Amino acid sequence: MTAIAVEQQARTSRAVPRRVPMTRIVGVELRKMFDTRSGFWLMVSIVAAAVLASGAVIAFAPDKEISFDTMAGAFGVPMTVILPMVAILSVTSEWSQRSGLTSFTLVPHRGRVIMAKAVSAVLVAVVSIPLALGVGAVGNLVASAIHGTDLVWDISLLHATEIVLGNVLGLMVGFTLGVLIRNSAGAVVGYFVYALLLPTLSGLLAANQDWFRSLQPWVDFNFAQGQLFGGDMGATQWAHLGTAGALWLVLPLLVGLRLVMRTEVK
């Protein structure tokens, strides 16, 4: 047997390495979200925001406003800012810290890495939001005892699920901006423009233009997403959410994923 034949046989008999399991990639991405200082303190701030919001309600809310819904509304505002930042940094760190060269070398299929980042970000939201609701429940008990009012549990299990979904969708908006822009500062600025400037402009337009007032729920994702927190979702509200979500979440995410797959990592 010639040397060439021996070499070819060795190549064909060489074991093909197995793909890295998705569970391992998700585990790595979860660790990366906690390993950095910014990521760690963002996670800590989720619980801290819930504790501070509950304390503010106990200290300043009038007796008739003491309820579980008031507690949830108090920490819901900082939560809608913190969770998207977590998602943004989980994506943009690959480019801003140049770790993408390592990540995409160890796992050449970029789509699997991005999918793992999305799964890990959603897992953080799914765990942290019920934890924050638990803090709010304790705050409701303490507030009722201090103020001498009756306990009011005015959030049903369905409403709590809708609150979790609303925060997950907000997180996915941050994730989409991270995939689309791939720069931490740019994605953060983009999110605040989306979350603060666009709703204001949309509200002004709806208040002054009759043609846009009926159109707003269908094209304003912030407006449609906000209905989840109100606890009055019906078929029409779900249709609003699906249509606006396709425009502001699905389409930009598809564009961003295509850019990620085709853009050179430097």
C-alpha atoms as a PDB file:
ATOM      1  CA  MET A   1       0.000   0.000   0.000  1.00  0.00           C
ATOM      2  CA  THR A   2       1.407   3.352  -1.002  1.00  0.00           C
ATOM      3  CA  ALA A   3       1.990   6.192   1.397  1.00  0.00           C
ATOM      4  CA  ILE A   4      -0.810   8.197  -0.245  1.00  0.00           C
ATOM      5  CA  ALA A   5      -3.283   5.345   0.253  1.00  0.00           C
ATOM      6  CA  VAL A   6      -2.266   4.995   3.901  1.00  0.00           C
ATOM      7  CA  GLU A   7      -2.784   8.713   4.456  1.00  0.00           C
ATOM      8  CA  GLN A   8      -6.212   8.632   2.786  1.00  0.00           C
ATOM      9  CA  GLN A   9      -7.246   5.644   4.905  1.00  0.00           C
ATOM     10  CA  ALA A  10      -6.140   7.451   8.062  1.00  0.00           C
ATOM     11  CA  ARG A  11      -8.222  10.451   7.096  1.00  0.00           C
ATOM     12  CA  THR A  12     -11.334   8.403   6.429  1.00  0.00           C
ATOM     13  CA  SER A  13     -10.969   6.456   9.689  1.00  0.00           C
ATOM     14  CA  ARG A  14     -10.417   9.565  11.807  1.00  0.00           C
ATOM     15  CA  ALA A  15     -13.270  10.140  14.268  1.00  0.00           C
ATOM     16  CA  VAL A  16     -15.512  13.071  13.445  1.00  0.00           C
ATOM     17  CA  PRO A  17     -15.808  15.347  16.502  1.00  0.00           C
ATOM     18  CA  ARG A  18     -19.303  15.724  17.897  1.00  0.00           C
ATOM     19  CA  ARG A  19     -21.026  19.095  17.813  1.00  0.00           C
ATOM     20  CA  VAL A  20     -21.013  21.066  21.019  1.00  0.00           C
ATOM     21  CA  PRO A  21     -24.397  20.439  22.697  1.00  0.00           C
ATOM     22  CA  MET A  22     -26.775  23.396  22.811  1.00  0.00           C
ATOM     23  CA  THR A  23     -27.169  22.948  26.567  1.00  0.00           C
ATOM     24  CA  ARG A  24     -23.430  23.504  27.018  1.00  0.00           C
ATOM     25  CA  ILE A  25     -23.500  26.648  24.857  1.00  0.00           C
ATOM     26  CA  VAL A  26     -26.449  28.004  26.841  1.00  0.00           C
ATOM     27  CA  GLY A  27     -24.605  27.250  30.086  1.00  0.00           C
ATOM     28  CA  VAL A  28     -21.524  29.107  28.840  1.00  0.00           C
ATOM     29  CA  GLU A  29     -23.621  32.117  27.797  1.00  0.00           C
ATOM     30  CA  LEU A  30     -25.308  32.176  31.195  1.00  0.00           C
ATOM     31  CA  ARG A  31     -21.923  32.192  32.939  1.00  0.00           C
ATOM     32  CA  LYS A  32     -20.733  34.984  30.645  1.00  0.00           C
ATOM     33  CA  MET A  33     -23.738  37.075  31.652  1.00  0.00           C
ATOM     34  CA  PHE A  34     -22.718  36.824  35.321  1.00  0.00           C
ATOM     35  CA  ASP A  35     -18.927  36.844  34.972  1.00  0.00           C
ATOM     36  CA  THR A  36     -18.471  40.496  33.973  1.00  0.00           C
ATOM     37  CA  ARG A  37     -18.888  43.316  36.469  1.00  0.00           C
ATOM     38  CA  SER A  38     -21.596  45.002  34.412  1.00  0.00           C
ATOM     39  CA  GLY A  39     -23.510  41.758  34.011  1.00  0.00           C
ATOM     40  CA  PHE A  40     -23.222  40.864  37.703  1.00  0.00           C
ATOM     41  CA  TRP A  41     -24.458  44.233  38.918  1.00  0.00           C
ATOM     42  CA  LEU A  42     -27.287  44.255  36.410  1.00  0.00           C
ATOM     43  CA  MET A  43     -28.453  40.954  37.887  1.00  0.00           C
ATOM     44  CA  VAL A  44     -28.130  42.323  41.422  1.00  0.00           C
ATOM     45  CA  SER A  45     -30.026  45.470  40.425  1.00  0.00           C
ATOM     46  CA  ILE A  46     -33.065  43.392  39.417  1.00  0.00           C
ATOM     47  CA  VAL A  47     -33.609  42.265  43.010  1.00  0.00           C
ATOM     48  CA  ALA A  48     -32.481  45.629  44.390  1.00  0.00           C
ATOM     49  CA  ALA A  49     -35.020  47.448  42.211  1.00  0.00           C
ATOM     50  CA  ALA A  50     -37.811  45.217  43.502  1.00  0.00           C
ATOM     51  CA  VAL A  51     -36.774  45.799  47.144  1.00  0.00           C
ATOM     52  CA  LEU A  52     -36.441  49.588  46.706  1.00  0.00           C
ATOM     53  CA  ALA A  53     -39.726  49.848  44.797  1.00  0.00           C
ATOM     54  CA  SER A  54     -41.540  47.870  47.492  1.00  0.00           C
ATOM     55  CA  GLY A  55     -39.983  50.088  50.171  1.00  0.00           C
ATOM     56  CA  ALA A  56     -41.086  53.228  48.313  1.00  0.00           C
ATOM     57  CA  VAL A  57     -44.669  51.955  48.123  1.00  0.00           C
ATOM     58  CA  ILE A  58     -44.652  51.111  51.843  1.00  0.00           C
ATOM     59  CA  ALA A  59     -43.286  54.544  52.730  1.00  0.00           C
ATOM     60  CA  PHE A  60     -45.200  56.851  50.405  1.00  0.00           C
ATOM     61  CA  ALA A  61     -48.301  55.159  48.985  1.00  0.00           C
ATOM     62  CA  PRO A  62     -51.672  56.117  50.540  1.00  0.00           C
ATOM     63  CA  ASP A  63     -53.504  53.390  52.427  1.00  0.00           C
ATOM     64  CA  LYS A  64     -56.108  52.853  49.696  1.00  0.00           C
ATOM     65  CA  GLU A  65     -53.359  52.200  47.143  1.00  0.00           C
ATOM     66  CA  ILE A  66     -51.656  49.418  49.089  1.00  0.00           C
ATOM     67  CA  SER A  67     -52.064  46.291  46.964  1.00  0.00           C
ATOM     68  CA  PHE A  68     -50.051  43.659  45.139  1.00  0.00           C
ATOM     69  CA  ASP A  69     -50.777  45.397  41.812  1.00  0.00           C
ATOM     70  CA  THR A  70     -49.295  48.642  43.144  1.00  0.00           C
ATOM     71  CA  MET A  71     -46.154  46.778  44.212  1.00  0.00           C
ATOM     72  CA  ALA A  72     -45.840  45.115  40.810  1.00  0.00           C
ATOM     73  CA  GLY A  73     -46.328  48.415  38.998  1.00  0.00           C
ATOM     74  CA  ALA A  74     -43.641  50.083  41.119  1.00  0.00           C
ATOM     75  CA  PHE A  75     -40.854  47.645  40.263  1.00  0.00           C
ATOM     76  CA  GLY A  76     -42.167  47.063  36.739  1.00  0.00           C
ATOM     77  CA  VAL A  77     -40.709  50.361  35.502  1.00  0.00           C
ATOM     78  CA  PRO A  78     -37.050  49.683  36.419  1.00  0.00           C
ATOM     79  CA  MET A  79     -37.483  46.078  35.275  1.00  0.00           C
ATOM     80  CA  THR A  80     -38.437  47.203  31.776  1.00  0.00           C
ATOM     81  CA  VAL A  81     -35.106  49.057  31.596  1.00  0.00           C
ATOM     82  CA  ILE A  82     -32.782  46.566  33.299  1.00  0.00           C
ATOM     83  CA  LEU A  83     -33.781  43.408  31.411  1.00  0.00           C
ATOM     84  CA  PRO A  84     -33.249  44.866  27.907  1.00  0.00           C
ATOM     85  CA  MET A  85     -29.816  46.082  29.026  1.00  0.00           C
ATOM     86  CA  VAL A  86     -28.971  42.525  30.072  1.00  0.00           C
ATOM     87  CA  ALA A  87     -29.961  41.243  26.634  1.00  0.00           C
ATOM     88  CA  ILE A  88     -28.105  44.010  24.801  1.00  0.00           C
ATOM     89  CA  LEU A  89     -24.834  43.418  26.638  1.00  0.00           C
ATOM     90  CA  SER A  90     -25.074  39.654  26.197  1.00  0.00           C
ATOM     91  CA  VAL A  91     -24.992  40.144  22.413  1.00  0.00           C
ATOM     92  CA  THR A  92     -22.824  43.205  21.898  1.00  0.00           C
ATOM     93  CA  SER A  93     -20.037  41.991  24.202  1.00  0.00           C
ATOM     94  CA  GLU A  94     -18.926  39.615  21.432  1.00  0.00           C
ATOM     95  CA  TRP A  95     -18.093  42.625  19.269  1.00  0.00           C
ATOM     96  CA  SER A  96     -17.238  45.358  21.787  1.00  0.00           C
ATOM     97  CA  GLN A  97     -14.902  43.064  23.785  1.00  0.00           C
ATOM     98  CA  ARG A  98     -13.690  41.158  20.701  1.00  0.00           C
ATOM     99  CA  SER A  99     -14.664  37.833  22.245  1.00  0.00           C
ATOM    100  CA  GLY A 100     -16.593  36.939  19.102  1.00  0.00           C
ATOM    101  CA  LEU A 101     -13.365  35.732  17.490  1.00  0.00           C
ATOM    102  CA  THR A 102     -13.133  33.048  20.175  1.00  0.00           C
ATOM    103  CA  SER A 103     -16.840  32.232  20.375  1.00  0.00           C
ATOM    104  CA  PHE A 104     -17.330  31.795  16.644  1.00  0.00           C
ATOM    105  CA  THR A 105     -14.115  29.788  16.340  1.00  0.00           C
ATOM    106  CA  LEU A 106     -15.127  27.297  19.028  1.00  0.00           C
ATOM    107  CA  VAL A 107     -18.705  27.188  17.672  1.00  0.00           C
ATOM    108  CA  PRO A 108     -18.480  28.034  13.956  1.00  0.00           C
ATOM    109  CA  HIS A 109     -22.262  28.005  13.527  1.00  0.00           C
ATOM    110  CA  ARG A 110     -23.056  31.564  14.560  1.00  0.00           C
ATOM    111  CA  GLY A 111     -26.768  30.896  14.622  1.00  0.00           C
ATOM    112  CA  ARG A 112     -26.333  28.427  17.492  1.00  0.00           C
ATOM    113  CA  VAL A 113     -24.392  30.992  19.514  1.00  0.00           C
ATOM    114  CA  ILE A 114     -27.026  33.674  18.943  1.00  0.00           C
ATOM    115  CA  MET A 115     -29.788  31.205  19.790  1.00  0.00           C
ATOM    116  CA  ALA A 116     -27.987  30.294  23.023  1.00  0.00           C
ATOM    117  CA  LYS A 117     -27.725  33.980  23.923  1.00  0.00           C
ATOM    118  CA  ALA A 118     -31.461  34.427  23.337  1.00  0.00           C
ATOM    119  CA  VAL A 119     -32.326  31.368  25.417  1.00  0.00           C
ATOM    120  CA  SER A 120     -30.055  32.424  28.296  1.00  0.00           C
ATOM    121  CA  ALA A 121     -31.465  35.977  28.296  1.00  0.00           C
ATOM    122  CA  VAL A 122     -35.040  34.667  28.375  1.00  0.00           C
ATOM    123  CA  LEU A 123     -34.119  32.260  31.186  1.00  0.00           C
ATOM    124  CA  VAL A 124     -32.802  35.179  33.235  1.00  0.00           C
ATOM    125  CA  ALA A 125     -36.057  37.062  32.679  1.00  0.00           C
ATOM    126  CA  VAL A 126     -38.252  34.054  33.450  1.00  0.00           C
ATOM    127  CA  VAL A 127     -36.403  33.497  36.748  1.00  0.00           C
ATOM    128  CA  SER A 128     -35.881  37.111  37.829  1.00  0.00           C
ATOM    129  CA  ILE A 129     -39.424  38.398  37.218  1.00  0.00           C
ATOM    130  CA  PRO A 130     -41.151  35.807  39.468  1.00  0.00           C
ATOM    131  CA  LEU A 131     -38.421  36.505  42.021  1.00  0.00           C
ATOM    132  CA  ALA A 132     -39.271  40.200  41.859  1.00  0.00           C
ATOM    133  CA  LEU A 133     -42.971  39.366  42.163  1.00  0.00           C
ATOM    134  CA  GLY A 134     -42.109  37.347  45.261  1.00  0.00           C
ATOM    135  CA  VAL A 135     -40.366  40.371  46.755  1.00  0.00           C
ATOM    136  CA  GLY A 136     -43.456  42.411  45.909  1.00  0.00           C
ATOM    137  CA  ALA A 137     -45.671  39.868  47.649  1.00  0.00           C
ATOM    138  CA  VAL A 138     -43.565  40.150  50.810  1.00  0.00           C
ATOM    139  CA  GLY A 139     -43.713  43.931  50.469  1.00  0.00           C
ATOM    140  CA  ASN A 140     -47.498  43.741  50.214  1.00  0.00           C
ATOM    141  CA  LEU A 141     -47.655  41.745  53.461  1.00  0.00           C
ATOM    142  CA  VAL A 142     -45.348  44.199  55.239  1.00  0.00           C
ATOM    143  CA  ALA A 143     -47.191  47.252  53.894  1.00  0.00           C
ATOM    144  CA  SER A 144     -50.550  45.856  54.971  1.00  0.00           C
ATOM    145  CA  ALA A 145     -49.240  45.167  58.468  1.00  0.00           C
ATOM    146  CA  ILE A 146     -47.648  48.613  58.836  1.00  0.00           C
ATOM    147  CA  HIS A 147     -50.602  50.586  57.461  1.00  0.00           C
ATOM    148  CA  GLY A 148     -53.219  48.358  59.088  1.00  0.00           C
ATOM    149  CA  THR A 149     -55.075  47.754  55.819  1.00  0.00           C
ATOM    150  CA  ASP A 150     -56.632  44.617  54.406  1.00  0.00           C
ATOM    151  CA  LEU A 151     -54.484  42.450  52.176  1.00  0.00           C
ATOM    152  CA  VAL A 152     -55.310  42.967  48.518  1.00  0.00           C
ATOM    153  CA  TRP A 153     -54.126  40.312  46.073  1.00  0.00           C
ATOM    154  CA  ASP A 154     -55.387  41.820  42.831  1.00  0.00           C
ATOM    155  CA  ILE A 155     -53.060  40.025  40.380  1.00  0.00           C
ATOM    156  CA  SER A 156     -54.311  36.700  39.090  1.00  0.00           C
ATOM    157  CA  LEU A 157     -52.079  33.911  37.862  1.00  0.00           C
ATOM    158  CA  LEU A 158     -53.031  34.786  34.277  1.00  0.00           C
ATOM    159  CA  HIS A 159     -52.179  38.447  34.825  1.00  0.00           C
ATOM    160  CA  ALA A 160     -48.831  37.483  36.399  1.00  0.00           C
ATOM    161  CA  THR A 161     -48.088  35.347  33.339  1.00  0.00           C
ATOM    162  CA  GLU A 162     -48.910  38.296  31.081  1.00  0.00           C
ATOM    163  CA  ILE A 163     -46.556  40.501  33.116  1.00  0.00           C
ATOM    164  CA  VAL A 164     -43.762  37.965  32.635  1.00  0.00           C
ATOM    165  CA  LEU A 165     -44.512  37.830  28.894  1.00  0.00           C
ATOM    166  CA  GLY A 166     -44.507  41.627  28.651  1.00  0.00           C
ATOM    167  CA  ASN A 167     -41.079  41.845  30.264  1.00  0.00           C
ATOM    168  CA  VAL A 168     -39.732  39.019  28.092  1.00  0.00           C
ATOM    169  CA  LEU A 169     -40.898  40.882  24.974  1.00  0.00           C
ATOM    170  CA  GLY A 170     -39.176  44.032  26.238  1.00  0.00           C
ATOM    171  CA  LEU A 171     -36.028  42.000  26.782  1.00  0.00           C
ATOM    172  CA  MET A 172     -36.293  40.647  23.224  1.00  0.00           C
ATOM    173  CA  VAL A 173     -36.485  44.206  21.885  1.00  0.00           C
ATOM    174  CA  GLY A 174     -33.125  44.868  23.545  1.00  0.00           C
ATOM    175  CA  PHE A 175     -31.803  41.586  22.189  1.00  0.00           C
ATOM    176  CA  THR A 176     -32.955  42.522  18.680  1.00  0.00           C
ATOM    177  CA  LEU A 177     -31.240  45.904  18.870  1.00  0.00           C
ATOM    178  CA  GLY A 178     -28.061  44.202  20.073  1.00  0.00           C
ATOM    179  CA  VAL A 179     -28.123  41.809  17.107  1.00  0.00           C
ATOM    180  CA  LEU A 180     -28.979  44.596  14.684  1.00  0.00           C
ATOM    181  CA  ILE A 181     -26.446  47.211  15.876  1.00  0.00           C
ATOM    182  CA  ARG A 182     -23.778  45.009  17.540  1.00  0.00           C
ATOM    183  CA  ASN A 183     -22.376  47.914  19.529  1.00  0.00           C
ATOM    184  CA  SER A 184     -23.121  48.365  23.227  1.00  0.00           C
ATOM    185  CA  ALA A 185     -23.400  52.163  23.278  1.00  0.00           C
ATOM    186  CA  GLY A 186     -25.311  52.317  20.007  1.00  0.00           C
ATOM    187  CA  ALA A 187     -27.767  49.596  21.050  1.00  0.00           C
ATOM    188  CA  VAL A 188     -28.396  51.215  24.459  1.00  0.00           C
ATOM    189  CA  VAL A 189     -29.062  54.593  22.836  1.00  0.00           C
ATOM    190  CA  GLY A 190     -31.265  52.890  20.265  1.00  0.00           C
ATOM    191  CA  TYR A 191     -33.283  51.232  23.011  1.00  0.00           C
ATOM    192  CA  PHE A 192     -33.913  54.488  24.872  1.00  0.00           C
ATOM    193  CA  VAL A 193     -34.980  56.142  21.626  1.00  0.00           C
ATOM    194  CA  TYR A 194     -37.361  53.255  21.045  1.00  0.00           C
ATOM    195  CA  ALA A 195     -38.650  53.119  24.629  1.00  0.00           C
ATOM    196  CA  LEU A 196     -38.862  56.851  25.438  1.00  0.00           C
ATOM    197  CA  LEU A 197     -38.930  58.974  22.279  1.00  0.00           C
ATOM    198  CA  LEU A 198     -41.060  56.884  19.932  1.00  0.00           C
ATOM    199  CA  PRO A 199     -43.932  56.318  22.421  1.00  0.00           C
ATOM    200  CA  THR A 200     -44.055  60.065  23.089  1.00  0.00           C
ATOM    201  CA  LEU A 201     -44.232  60.885  19.388  1.00  0.00           C
ATOM    202  CA  SER A 202     -46.784  58.126  18.835  1.00  0.00           C
ATOM    203  CA  GLY A 203     -48.949  59.416  21.712  1.00  0.00           C
ATOM    204  CA  LEU A 204     -48.839  62.990  20.431  1.00  0.00           C
ATOM    205  CA  LEU A 205     -49.768  61.860  16.945  1.00  0.00           C
ATOM    206  CA  ALA A 206     -52.648  59.742  18.252  1.00  0.00           C
ATOM    207  CA  ALA A 207     -53.914  62.641  20.373  1.00  0.00           C
ATOM    208  CA  ASN A 208     -53.961  65.070  17.453  1.00  0.00           C
ATOM    209  CA  GLN A 209     -54.702  62.899  14.418  1.00  0.00           C
ATOM    210  CA  ASP A 210     -57.880  60.854  14.263  1.00  0.00           C
ATOM    211  CA  TRP A 211     -56.557  58.600  11.482  1.00  0.00           C
ATOM    212  CA  PHE A 212     -53.631  57.466  13.656  1.00  0.00           C
ATOM    213  CA  ARG A 213     -55.639  56.964  16.857  1.00  0.00           C
ATOM    214  CA  SER A 214     -57.203  53.738  15.594  1.00  0.00           C
ATOM    215  CA  LEU A 215     -53.982  52.703  13.863  1.00  0.00           C
ATOM    216  CA  GLN A 216     -51.707  53.163  16.895  1.00  0.00           C
ATOM    217  CA  PRO A 217     -52.365  49.786  18.591  1.00  0.00           C
ATOM    218  CA  TRP A 218     -51.502  47.980  15.354  1.00  0.00           C
ATOM    219  CA  VAL A 219     -48.173  49.730  14.666  1.00  0.00           C
ATOM    220  CA  ASP A 220     -46.946  50.892  18.105  1.00  0.00           C
ATOM    221  CA  PHE A 221     -45.321  47.900  19.805  1.00  0.00           C
ATOM    222  CA  ASN A 222     -44.823  49.798  23.067  1.00  0.00           C
ATOM    223  CA  PHE A 223     -48.549  50.516  23.194  1.00  0.00           C
ATOM    224  CA  ALA A 224     -49.504  46.939  22.333  1.00  0.00           C
ATOM    225  CA  GLN A 225     -46.983  45.501  24.805  1.00  0.00           C
ATOM    226  CA  GLY A 226     -48.239  47.808  27.549  1.00  0.00           C
ATOM    227  CA  GLN A 227     -51.668  46.181  27.365  1.00  0.00           C
ATOM    228  CA  LEU A 228     -50.106  43.031  28.816  1.00  0.00           C
ATOM    229  CA  PHE A 229     -49.420  44.859  32.069  1.00  0.00           C
ATOM    230  CA  GLY A 230     -53.004  46.082  32.316  1.00  0.00           C
ATOM    231  CA  GLY A 231     -54.403  42.576  32.641  1.00  0.00           C
ATOM    232  CA  ASP A 232     -57.223  43.132  30.143  1.00  0.00           C
ATOM    233  CA  MET A 233     -55.988  41.169  27.143  1.00  0.00           C
ATOM    234  CA  GLY A 234     -58.631  40.022  24.688  1.00  0.00           C
ATOM    235  CA  ALA A 235     -58.578  38.734  21.139  1.00  0.00           C
ATOM    236  CA  THR A 236     -58.213  42.264  19.741  1.00  0.00           C
ATOM    237  CA  GLN A 237     -55.317  43.091  22.079  1.00  0.00           C
ATOM    238  CA  TRP A 238     -53.525  39.873  21.138  1.00  0.00           C
ATOM    239  CA  ALA A 239     -53.990  40.786  17.464  1.00  0.00           C
ATOM    240  CA  HIS A 240     -52.499  44.228  18.159  1.00  0.00           C
ATOM    241  CA  LEU A 241     -49.529  42.610  19.891  1.00  0.00           C
ATOM    242  CA  GLY A 242     -48.920  40.125  17.102  1.00  0.00           C
ATOM    243  CA  THR A 243     -49.106  42.707  14.304  1.00  0.00           C
ATOM    244  CA  ALA A 244     -46.972  45.351  16.009  1.00  0.00           C
ATOM    245  CA  GLY A 245     -44.538  42.655  17.180  1.00  0.00           C
ATOM    246  CA  ALA A 246     -44.049  41.431  13.615  1.00  0.00           C
ATOM    247  CA  LEU A 247     -43.173  44.976  12.529  1.00  0.00           C
ATOM    248  CA  TRP A 248     -40.916  45.988  15.422  1.00  0.00           C
ATOM    249  CA  LEU A 249     -39.516  42.682  16.664  1.00  0.00           C
ATOM    250  CA  VAL A 250     -39.620  39.879  14.100  1.00  0.00           C
ATOM    251  CA  LEU A 251     -38.579  41.775  10.958  1.00  0.00           C
ATOM    252  CA  PRO A 252     -35.668  43.696  12.597  1.00  0.00           C
ATOM    253  CA  LEU A 253     -34.489  40.479  14.259  1.00  0.00           C
ATOM    254  CA  LEU A 254     -34.436  38.660  10.907  1.00  0.00           C
ATOM    255  CA  VAL A 255     -32.438  41.516   9.367  1.00  0.00           C
ATOM    256  CA  GLY A 256     -30.033  41.523  12.312  1.00  0.00           C
ATOM    257  CA  LEU A 257     -29.526  37.755  12.149  1.00  0.00           C
ATOM    258  CA  ARG A 258     -28.709  37.967   8.458  1.00  0.00           C
ATOM    259  CA  LEU A 259     -26.133  40.683   9.168  1.00  0.00           C
ATOM    260  CA  VAL A 260     -24.606  38.598  11.960  1.00  0.00           C
ATOM    261  CA  MET A 261     -24.269  35.593   9.638  1.00  0.00           C
ATOM    262  CA  ARG A 262     -22.622  37.600   6.864  1.00  0.00           C
ATOM    263  CA  THR A 263     -20.578  40.242   8.698  1.00  0.00           C
ATOM    264  CA  GLU A 264     -16.885  39.591   9.283  1.00  0.00           C
ATOM    265  CA  VAL A 265     -15.914  39.461  12.959  1.00  0.00           C
ATOM    266  CA  LYS A 266     -12.871  41.640  13.616  1.00  0.00           C
END
